[in-house]
ModelCIF file with pLDDT and N, C-alpha, C, O atoms, coordinates in Angstrom:
data_MODEL
#
_entry.id   MODEL 
#
_entity.id                         1 
_entity.type                       polymer 
_entity.pdbx_number_of_molecules   1 
#
_entity_poly.entity_id                      1 
_entity_poly.type                           'polypeptide(L)' 
_entity_poly.nstd_linkage                   no 
_entity_poly.nstd_monomer                   no 
_entity_poly.pdbx_seq_one_letter_code       ENIQTATHCVTRLRLVLKDQEKVEVKKLESLEIVKGSFL 
_entity_poly.pdbx_seq_one_letter_code_can   ENIQTATHCVTRLRLVLKDQEKVEVKKLESLEIVKGSFL 
_entity_poly.pdbx_strand_id                 A 
#
loop_
_entity_poly_seq.entity_id 
_entity_poly_seq.num 
_entity_poly_seq.mon_id 
_entity_poly_seq.hetero 
1 1  GLU n 
1 2  ASN n 
1 3  ILE n 
1 4  GLN n 
1 5  THR n 
1 6  ALA n 
1 7  THR n 
1 8  HIS n 
1 9  CYS n 
1 10 VAL n 
1 11 THR n 
1 12 ARG n 
1 13 LEU n 
1 14 ARG n 
1 15 LEU n 
1 16 VAL n 
1 17 LEU n 
1 18 LYS n 
1 19 ASP n 
1 20 GLN n 
1 21 GLU n 
1 22 LYS n 
1 23 VAL n 
1 24 GLU n 
1 25 VAL n 
1 26 LYS n 
1 27 LYS n 
1 28 LEU n 
1 29 GLU n 
1 30 SER n 
1 31 LEU n 
1 32 GLU n 
1 33 ILE n 
1 34 VAL n 
1 35 LYS n 
1 36 GLY n 
1 37 SER n 
1 38 PHE n 
1 39 LEU n 
#
_struct_asym.id          A 
_struct_asym.entity_id   1 
#
loop_
_ma_qa_metric.id 
_ma_qa_metric.mode 
_ma_qa_metric.name 
_ma_qa_metric.software_group_id 
_ma_qa_metric.type 
1 global pLDDT . pLDDT 
2 local  pLDDT . pLDDT 
#
_ma_qa_metric_global.metric_id      1 
_ma_qa_metric_global.metric_value   84.59 
_ma_qa_metric_global.model_id       1 
_ma_qa_metric_global.ordinal_id     1 
#
loop_
_ma_qa_metric_local.label_asym_id 
_ma_qa_metric_local.label_comp_id 
_ma_qa_metric_local.label_seq_id 
_ma_qa_metric_local.metric_id 
_ma_qa_metric_local.metric_value 
_ma_qa_metric_local.model_id 
_ma_qa_metric_local.ordinal_id 
A GLU 1  2 89.00 1 1  
A ASN 2  2 89.00 1 2  
A ILE 3  2 87.00 1 3  
A GLN 4  2 85.00 1 4  
A THR 5  2 84.00 1 5  
A ALA 6  2 86.00 1 6  
A THR 7  2 84.00 1 7  
A HIS 8  2 84.00 1 8  
A CYS 9  2 79.00 1 9  
A VAL 10 2 73.00 1 10 
A THR 11 2 80.00 1 11 
A ARG 12 2 83.00 1 12 
A LEU 13 2 88.00 1 13 
A ARG 14 2 86.00 1 14 
A LEU 15 2 87.00 1 15 
A VAL 16 2 85.00 1 16 
A LEU 17 2 87.00 1 17 
A LYS 18 2 85.00 1 18 
A ASP 19 2 87.00 1 19 
A GLN 20 2 85.00 1 20 
A GLU 21 2 87.00 1 21 
A LYS 22 2 90.00 1 22 
A VAL 23 2 90.00 1 23 
A GLU 24 2 90.00 1 24 
A VAL 25 2 86.00 1 25 
A LYS 26 2 85.00 1 26 
A LYS 27 2 88.00 1 27 
A LEU 28 2 89.00 1 28 
A GLU 29 2 82.00 1 29 
A SER 30 2 84.00 1 30 
A LEU 31 2 86.00 1 31 
A GLU 32 2 80.00 1 32 
A ILE 33 2 85.00 1 33 
A VAL 34 2 86.00 1 34 
A LYS 35 2 80.00 1 35 
A GLY 36 2 79.00 1 36 
A SER 37 2 82.00 1 37 
A PHE 38 2 79.00 1 38 
A LEU 39 2 78.00 1 39 
#
loop_
_atom_site.group_PDB 
_atom_site.id 
_atom_site.type_symbol 
_atom_site.label_atom_id 
_atom_site.label_alt_id 
_atom_site.label_comp_id 
_atom_site.label_asym_id 
_atom_site.label_entity_id 
_atom_site.label_seq_id 
_atom_site.pdbx_PDB_ins_code 
_atom_site.Cartn_x 
_atom_site.Cartn_y 
_atom_site.Cartn_z 
_atom_site.occupancy 
_atom_site.B_iso_or_equiv 
_atom_site.pdbx_formal_charge 
_atom_site.auth_seq_id 
_atom_site.auth_comp_id 
_atom_site.auth_asym_id 
_atom_site.auth_atom_id 
_atom_site.pdbx_PDB_model_num 
ATOM 1   N N  . GLU A 1 1  ? 101.945 126.766 82.631 1.00 89.00 ? 1  GLU A N  1 
ATOM 2   C CA . GLU A 1 1  ? 100.679 126.043 82.470 1.00 89.00 ? 1  GLU A CA 1 
ATOM 3   C C  . GLU A 1 1  ? 100.668 125.150 81.237 1.00 89.00 ? 1  GLU A C  1 
ATOM 4   O O  . GLU A 1 1  ? 99.793  124.293 81.112 1.00 89.00 ? 1  GLU A O  1 
ATOM 5   N N  . ASN A 1 2  ? 101.615 125.326 80.327 1.00 89.00 ? 2  ASN A N  1 
ATOM 6   C CA . ASN A 1 2  ? 101.662 124.507 79.106 1.00 89.00 ? 2  ASN A CA 1 
ATOM 7   C C  . ASN A 1 2  ? 102.576 123.301 79.250 1.00 89.00 ? 2  ASN A C  1 
ATOM 8   O O  . ASN A 1 2  ? 102.655 122.467 78.348 1.00 89.00 ? 2  ASN A O  1 
ATOM 9   N N  . ILE A 1 3  ? 103.270 123.206 80.383 1.00 87.00 ? 3  ILE A N  1 
ATOM 10  C CA . ILE A 1 3  ? 104.242 122.129 80.595 1.00 87.00 ? 3  ILE A CA 1 
ATOM 11  C C  . ILE A 1 3  ? 103.592 121.006 81.392 1.00 87.00 ? 3  ILE A C  1 
ATOM 12  O O  . ILE A 1 3  ? 103.140 121.203 82.520 1.00 87.00 ? 3  ILE A O  1 
ATOM 13  N N  . GLN A 1 4  ? 103.555 119.835 80.788 1.00 85.00 ? 4  GLN A N  1 
ATOM 14  C CA . GLN A 1 4  ? 102.946 118.681 81.455 1.00 85.00 ? 4  GLN A CA 1 
ATOM 15  C C  . GLN A 1 4  ? 103.970 117.922 82.292 1.00 85.00 ? 4  GLN A C  1 
ATOM 16  O O  . GLN A 1 4  ? 103.755 117.698 83.484 1.00 85.00 ? 4  GLN A O  1 
ATOM 17  N N  . THR A 1 5  ? 105.079 117.526 81.676 1.00 84.00 ? 5  THR A N  1 
ATOM 18  C CA . THR A 1 5  ? 106.163 116.839 82.386 1.00 84.00 ? 5  THR A CA 1 
ATOM 19  C C  . THR A 1 5  ? 107.489 117.279 81.796 1.00 84.00 ? 5  THR A C  1 
ATOM 20  O O  . THR A 1 5  ? 107.541 117.831 80.697 1.00 84.00 ? 5  THR A O  1 
ATOM 21  N N  . ALA A 1 6  ? 108.562 117.029 82.535 1.00 86.00 ? 6  ALA A N  1 
ATOM 22  C CA . ALA A 1 6  ? 109.892 117.388 82.061 1.00 86.00 ? 6  ALA A CA 1 
ATOM 23  C C  . ALA A 1 6  ? 110.906 116.356 82.526 1.00 86.00 ? 6  ALA A C  1 
ATOM 24  O O  . ALA A 1 6  ? 110.822 115.833 83.637 1.00 86.00 ? 6  ALA A O  1 
ATOM 25  N N  . THR A 1 7  ? 111.867 116.072 81.650 1.00 84.00 ? 7  THR A N  1 
ATOM 26  C CA . THR A 1 7  ? 112.999 115.230 82.007 1.00 84.00 ? 7  THR A CA 1 
ATOM 27  C C  . THR A 1 7  ? 114.163 115.675 81.128 1.00 84.00 ? 7  THR A C  1 
ATOM 28  O O  . THR A 1 7  ? 114.039 116.656 80.395 1.00 84.00 ? 7  THR A O  1 
ATOM 29  N N  . HIS A 1 8  ? 115.280 114.975 81.190 1.00 84.00 ? 8  HIS A N  1 
ATOM 30  C CA . HIS A 1 8  ? 116.410 115.331 80.339 1.00 84.00 ? 8  HIS A CA 1 
ATOM 31  C C  . HIS A 1 8  ? 117.245 114.088 80.046 1.00 84.00 ? 8  HIS A C  1 
ATOM 32  O O  . HIS A 1 8  ? 117.184 113.090 80.765 1.00 84.00 ? 8  HIS A O  1 
ATOM 33  N N  . CYS A 1 9  ? 118.034 114.177 78.958 1.00 79.00 ? 9  CYS A N  1 
ATOM 34  C CA . CYS A 1 9  ? 118.988 113.115 78.641 1.00 79.00 ? 9  CYS A CA 1 
ATOM 35  C C  . CYS A 1 9  ? 120.383 113.728 78.690 1.00 79.00 ? 9  CYS A C  1 
ATOM 36  O O  . CYS A 1 9  ? 120.591 114.702 79.413 1.00 79.00 ? 9  CYS A O  1 
ATOM 37  N N  . VAL A 1 10 ? 121.334 113.193 77.950 1.00 73.00 ? 10 VAL A N  1 
ATOM 38  C CA . VAL A 1 10 ? 122.714 113.668 78.024 1.00 73.00 ? 10 VAL A CA 1 
ATOM 39  C C  . VAL A 1 10 ? 122.848 115.095 77.501 1.00 73.00 ? 10 VAL A C  1 
ATOM 40  O O  . VAL A 1 10 ? 123.655 115.872 78.012 1.00 73.00 ? 10 VAL A O  1 
ATOM 41  N N  . THR A 1 11 ? 122.061 115.440 76.486 1.00 80.00 ? 11 THR A N  1 
ATOM 42  C CA . THR A 1 11 ? 122.224 116.748 75.847 1.00 80.00 ? 11 THR A CA 1 
ATOM 43  C C  . THR A 1 11 ? 120.949 117.586 75.786 1.00 80.00 ? 11 THR A C  1 
ATOM 44  O O  . THR A 1 11 ? 121.022 118.787 75.528 1.00 80.00 ? 11 THR A O  1 
ATOM 45  N N  . ARG A 1 12 ? 119.779 116.980 76.019 1.00 83.00 ? 12 ARG A N  1 
ATOM 46  C CA . ARG A 1 12 ? 118.523 117.670 75.715 1.00 83.00 ? 12 ARG A CA 1 
ATOM 47  C C  . ARG A 1 12 ? 117.576 117.755 76.900 1.00 83.00 ? 12 ARG A C  1 
ATOM 48  O O  . ARG A 1 12 ? 117.492 116.841 77.720 1.00 83.00 ? 12 ARG A O  1 
ATOM 49  N N  . LEU A 1 13 ? 116.872 118.863 76.970 1.00 88.00 ? 13 LEU A N  1 
ATOM 50  C CA . LEU A 1 13 ? 115.741 119.019 77.871 1.00 88.00 ? 13 LEU A CA 1 
ATOM 51  C C  . LEU A 1 13 ? 114.528 118.470 77.134 1.00 88.00 ? 13 LEU A C  1 
ATOM 52  O O  . LEU A 1 13 ? 114.220 118.925 76.032 1.00 88.00 ? 13 LEU A O  1 
ATOM 53  N N  . ARG A 1 14 ? 113.829 117.495 77.726 1.00 86.00 ? 14 ARG A N  1 
ATOM 54  C CA . ARG A 1 14 ? 112.710 116.825 77.053 1.00 86.00 ? 14 ARG A CA 1 
ATOM 55  C C  . ARG A 1 14 ? 111.409 117.192 77.752 1.00 86.00 ? 14 ARG A C  1 
ATOM 56  O O  . ARG A 1 14 ? 111.223 116.898 78.933 1.00 86.00 ? 14 ARG A O  1 
ATOM 57  N N  . LEU A 1 15 ? 110.515 117.832 77.017 1.00 87.00 ? 15 LEU A N  1 
ATOM 58  C CA . LEU A 1 15 ? 109.265 118.316 77.594 1.00 87.00 ? 15 LEU A CA 1 
ATOM 59  C C  . LEU A 1 15 ? 108.066 117.670 76.914 1.00 87.00 ? 15 LEU A C  1 
ATOM 60  O O  . LEU A 1 15 ? 108.053 117.482 75.698 1.00 87.00 ? 15 LEU A O  1 
ATOM 61  N N  . VAL A 1 16 ? 107.070 117.338 77.708 1.00 85.00 ? 16 VAL A N  1 
ATOM 62  C CA . VAL A 1 16 ? 105.764 116.967 77.175 1.00 85.00 ? 16 VAL A CA 1 
ATOM 63  C C  . VAL A 1 16 ? 104.863 118.164 77.397 1.00 85.00 ? 16 VAL A C  1 
ATOM 64  O O  . VAL A 1 16 ? 104.546 118.514 78.534 1.00 85.00 ? 16 VAL A O  1 
ATOM 65  N N  . LEU A 1 17 ? 104.449 118.796 76.297 1.00 87.00 ? 17 LEU A N  1 
ATOM 66  C CA . LEU A 1 17 ? 103.654 120.026 76.362 1.00 87.00 ? 17 LEU A CA 1 
ATOM 67  C C  . LEU A 1 17 ? 102.186 119.743 76.059 1.00 87.00 ? 17 LEU A C  1 
ATOM 68  O O  . LEU A 1 17 ? 101.858 118.817 75.317 1.00 87.00 ? 17 LEU A O  1 
ATOM 69  N N  . LYS A 1 18 ? 101.333 120.536 76.632 1.00 85.00 ? 18 LYS A N  1 
ATOM 70  C CA . LYS A 1 18 ? 99.907  120.380 76.381 1.00 85.00 ? 18 LYS A CA 1 
ATOM 71  C C  . LYS A 1 18 ? 99.533  120.870 74.980 1.00 85.00 ? 18 LYS A C  1 
ATOM 72  O O  . LYS A 1 18 ? 98.651  120.307 74.330 1.00 85.00 ? 18 LYS A O  1 
ATOM 73  N N  . ASP A 1 19 ? 100.207 121.916 74.529 1.00 87.00 ? 19 ASP A N  1 
ATOM 74  C CA . ASP A 1 19 ? 99.925  122.477 73.208 1.00 87.00 ? 19 ASP A CA 1 
ATOM 75  C C  . ASP A 1 19 ? 101.246 122.865 72.546 1.00 87.00 ? 19 ASP A C  1 
ATOM 76  O O  . ASP A 1 19 ? 101.869 123.855 72.932 1.00 87.00 ? 19 ASP A O  1 
ATOM 77  N N  . GLN A 1 20 ? 101.677 122.079 71.540 1.00 85.00 ? 20 GLN A N  1 
ATOM 78  C CA . GLN A 1 20 ? 102.936 122.339 70.856 1.00 85.00 ? 20 GLN A CA 1 
ATOM 79  C C  . GLN A 1 20 ? 102.904 123.652 70.079 1.00 85.00 ? 20 GLN A C  1 
ATOM 80  O O  . GLN A 1 20 ? 103.951 124.256 69.845 1.00 85.00 ? 20 GLN A O  1 
ATOM 81  N N  . GLU A 1 21 ? 101.716 124.101 69.676 1.00 87.00 ? 21 GLU A N  1 
ATOM 82  C CA . GLU A 1 21 ? 101.593 125.301 68.848 1.00 87.00 ? 21 GLU A CA 1 
ATOM 83  C C  . GLU A 1 21 ? 101.980 126.570 69.599 1.00 87.00 ? 21 GLU A C  1 
ATOM 84  O O  . GLU A 1 21 ? 102.239 127.597 68.972 1.00 87.00 ? 21 GLU A O  1 
ATOM 85  N N  . LYS A 1 22 ? 102.024 126.520 70.908 1.00 90.00 ? 22 LYS A N  1 
ATOM 86  C CA . LYS A 1 22 ? 102.349 127.701 71.696 1.00 90.00 ? 22 LYS A CA 1 
ATOM 87  C C  . LYS A 1 22 ? 103.853 127.986 71.750 1.00 90.00 ? 22 LYS A C  1 
ATOM 88  O O  . LYS A 1 22 ? 104.263 129.037 72.244 1.00 90.00 ? 22 LYS A O  1 
ATOM 89  N N  . VAL A 1 23 ? 104.663 127.078 71.257 1.00 90.00 ? 23 VAL A N  1 
ATOM 90  C CA . VAL A 1 23 ? 106.116 127.269 71.303 1.00 90.00 ? 23 VAL A CA 1 
ATOM 91  C C  . VAL A 1 23 ? 106.536 128.363 70.318 1.00 90.00 ? 23 VAL A C  1 
ATOM 92  O O  . VAL A 1 23 ? 106.170 128.325 69.143 1.00 90.00 ? 23 VAL A O  1 
ATOM 93  N N  . GLU A 1 24 ? 107.302 129.331 70.805 1.00 90.00 ? 24 GLU A N  1 
ATOM 94  C CA . GLU A 1 24 ? 107.856 130.384 69.959 1.00 90.00 ? 24 GLU A CA 1 
ATOM 95  C C  . GLU A 1 24 ? 109.280 129.970 69.583 1.00 90.00 ? 24 GLU A C  1 
ATOM 96  O O  . GLU A 1 24 ? 110.241 130.304 70.276 1.00 90.00 ? 24 GLU A O  1 
ATOM 97  N N  . VAL A 1 25 ? 109.396 129.238 68.477 1.00 86.00 ? 25 VAL A N  1 
ATOM 98  C CA . VAL A 1 25 ? 110.633 128.570 68.122 1.00 86.00 ? 25 VAL A CA 1 
ATOM 99  C C  . VAL A 1 25 ? 111.790 129.547 67.919 1.00 86.00 ? 25 VAL A C  1 
ATOM 100 O O  . VAL A 1 25 ? 112.869 129.346 68.477 1.00 86.00 ? 25 VAL A O  1 
ATOM 101 N N  . LYS A 1 26 ? 111.582 130.600 67.128 1.00 85.00 ? 26 LYS A N  1 
ATOM 102 C CA . LYS A 1 26 ? 112.679 131.523 66.824 1.00 85.00 ? 26 LYS A CA 1 
ATOM 103 C C  . LYS A 1 26 ? 113.183 132.236 68.070 1.00 85.00 ? 26 LYS A C  1 
ATOM 104 O O  . LYS A 1 26 ? 114.389 132.405 68.250 1.00 85.00 ? 26 LYS A O  1 
ATOM 105 N N  . LYS A 1 27 ? 112.261 132.652 68.927 1.00 88.00 ? 27 LYS A N  1 
ATOM 106 C CA . LYS A 1 27 ? 112.674 133.298 70.175 1.00 88.00 ? 27 LYS A CA 1 
ATOM 107 C C  . LYS A 1 27 ? 113.413 132.314 71.082 1.00 88.00 ? 27 LYS A C  1 
ATOM 108 O O  . LYS A 1 27 ? 114.409 132.661 71.717 1.00 88.00 ? 27 LYS A O  1 
ATOM 109 N N  . LEU A 1 28 ? 112.904 131.075 71.132 1.00 89.00 ? 28 LEU A N  1 
ATOM 110 C CA . LEU A 1 28 ? 113.529 130.047 71.960 1.00 89.00 ? 28 LEU A CA 1 
ATOM 111 C C  . LEU A 1 28 ? 114.962 129.788 71.503 1.00 89.00 ? 28 LEU A C  1 
ATOM 112 O O  . LEU A 1 28 ? 115.876 129.718 72.326 1.00 89.00 ? 28 LEU A O  1 
ATOM 113 N N  . GLU A 1 29 ? 115.158 129.647 70.197 1.00 82.00 ? 29 GLU A N  1 
ATOM 114 C CA . GLU A 1 29 ? 116.476 129.309 69.672 1.00 82.00 ? 29 GLU A CA 1 
ATOM 115 C C  . GLU A 1 29 ? 117.418 130.504 69.617 1.00 82.00 ? 29 GLU A C  1 
ATOM 116 O O  . GLU A 1 29 ? 118.598 130.354 69.300 1.00 82.00 ? 29 GLU A O  1 
ATOM 117 N N  . SER A 1 30 ? 116.901 131.690 69.925 1.00 84.00 ? 30 SER A N  1 
ATOM 118 C CA . SER A 1 30 ? 117.772 132.871 69.988 1.00 84.00 ? 30 SER A CA 1 
ATOM 119 C C  . SER A 1 30 ? 118.495 132.972 71.324 1.00 84.00 ? 30 SER A C  1 
ATOM 120 O O  . SER A 1 30 ? 119.423 133.769 71.467 1.00 84.00 ? 30 SER A O  1 
ATOM 121 N N  . LEU A 1 31 ? 118.079 132.172 72.305 1.00 86.00 ? 31 LEU A N  1 
ATOM 122 C CA . LEU A 1 31 ? 118.707 132.201 73.630 1.00 86.00 ? 31 LEU A CA 1 
ATOM 123 C C  . LEU A 1 31 ? 120.116 131.631 73.575 1.00 86.00 ? 31 LEU A C  1 
ATOM 124 O O  . LEU A 1 31 ? 120.403 130.730 72.786 1.00 86.00 ? 31 LEU A O  1 
ATOM 125 N N  . GLU A 1 32 ? 120.980 132.157 74.407 1.00 80.00 ? 32 GLU A N  1 
ATOM 126 C CA . GLU A 1 32 ? 122.394 131.778 74.383 1.00 80.00 ? 32 GLU A CA 1 
ATOM 127 C C  . GLU A 1 32 ? 122.613 130.305 74.685 1.00 80.00 ? 32 GLU A C  1 
ATOM 128 O O  . GLU A 1 32 ? 123.471 129.670 74.072 1.00 80.00 ? 32 GLU A O  1 
ATOM 129 N N  . ILE A 1 33 ? 121.856 129.756 75.612 1.00 85.00 ? 33 ILE A N  1 
ATOM 130 C CA . ILE A 1 33 ? 122.117 128.376 76.032 1.00 85.00 ? 33 ILE A CA 1 
ATOM 131 C C  . ILE A 1 33 ? 121.398 127.347 75.167 1.00 85.00 ? 33 ILE A C  1 
ATOM 132 O O  . ILE A 1 33 ? 121.624 126.147 75.326 1.00 85.00 ? 33 ILE A O  1 
ATOM 133 N N  . VAL A 1 34 ? 120.542 127.791 74.262 1.00 86.00 ? 34 VAL A N  1 
ATOM 134 C CA . VAL A 1 34 ? 119.776 126.863 73.413 1.00 86.00 ? 34 VAL A CA 1 
ATOM 135 C C  . VAL A 1 34 ? 120.490 126.683 72.082 1.00 86.00 ? 34 VAL A C  1 
ATOM 136 O O  . VAL A 1 34 ? 120.729 127.653 71.363 1.00 86.00 ? 34 VAL A O  1 
ATOM 137 N N  . LYS A 1 35 ? 120.829 125.442 71.759 1.00 80.00 ? 35 LYS A N  1 
ATOM 138 C CA . LYS A 1 35 ? 121.546 125.138 70.519 1.00 80.00 ? 35 LYS A CA 1 
ATOM 139 C C  . LYS A 1 35 ? 120.613 124.626 69.416 1.00 80.00 ? 35 LYS A C  1 
ATOM 140 O O  . LYS A 1 35 ? 121.056 124.365 68.298 1.00 80.00 ? 35 LYS A O  1 
ATOM 141 N N  . GLY A 1 36 ? 119.348 124.488 69.728 1.00 79.00 ? 36 GLY A N  1 
ATOM 142 C CA . GLY A 1 36 ? 118.385 124.004 68.744 1.00 79.00 ? 36 GLY A CA 1 
ATOM 143 C C  . GLY A 1 36 ? 117.207 123.374 69.451 1.00 79.00 ? 36 GLY A C  1 
ATOM 144 O O  . GLY A 1 36 ? 117.255 123.127 70.656 1.00 79.00 ? 36 GLY A O  1 
ATOM 145 N N  . SER A 1 37 ? 116.147 123.113 68.703 1.00 82.00 ? 37 SER A N  1 
ATOM 146 C CA . SER A 1 37 ? 114.976 122.458 69.277 1.00 82.00 ? 37 SER A CA 1 
ATOM 147 C C  . SER A 1 37 ? 114.234 121.719 68.181 1.00 82.00 ? 37 SER A C  1 
ATOM 148 O O  . SER A 1 37 ? 114.325 122.067 67.004 1.00 82.00 ? 37 SER A O  1 
ATOM 149 N N  . PHE A 1 38 ? 113.498 120.694 68.584 1.00 79.00 ? 38 PHE A N  1 
ATOM 150 C CA . PHE A 1 38 ? 112.744 119.909 67.619 1.00 79.00 ? 38 PHE A CA 1 
ATOM 151 C C  . PHE A 1 38 ? 111.687 119.092 68.352 1.00 79.00 ? 38 PHE A C  1 
ATOM 152 O O  . PHE A 1 38 ? 111.765 118.878 69.561 1.00 79.00 ? 38 PHE A O  1 
ATOM 153 N N  . LEU A 1 39 ? 110.705 118.647 67.591 1.00 78.00 ? 39 LEU A N  1 
ATOM 154 C CA . LEU A 1 39 ? 109.633 117.808 68.115 1.00 78.00 ? 39 LEU A CA 1 
ATOM 155 C C  . LEU A 1 39 ? 109.848 116.388 67.623 1.00 78.00 ? 39 LEU A C  1 
ATOM 156 O O  . LEU A 1 39 ? 109.059 115.498 67.942 1.00 78.00 ? 39 LEU A O  1 
#
């Protein structure tokens, strides 16, 4: 419900979120396939 749109480029998943504050950054970046994240 927080995801508005999604696309991707060569290396990144690009999301437009309704509320950026809901992102749990440390948990997200602890995943094996995630190499980092940023806004």
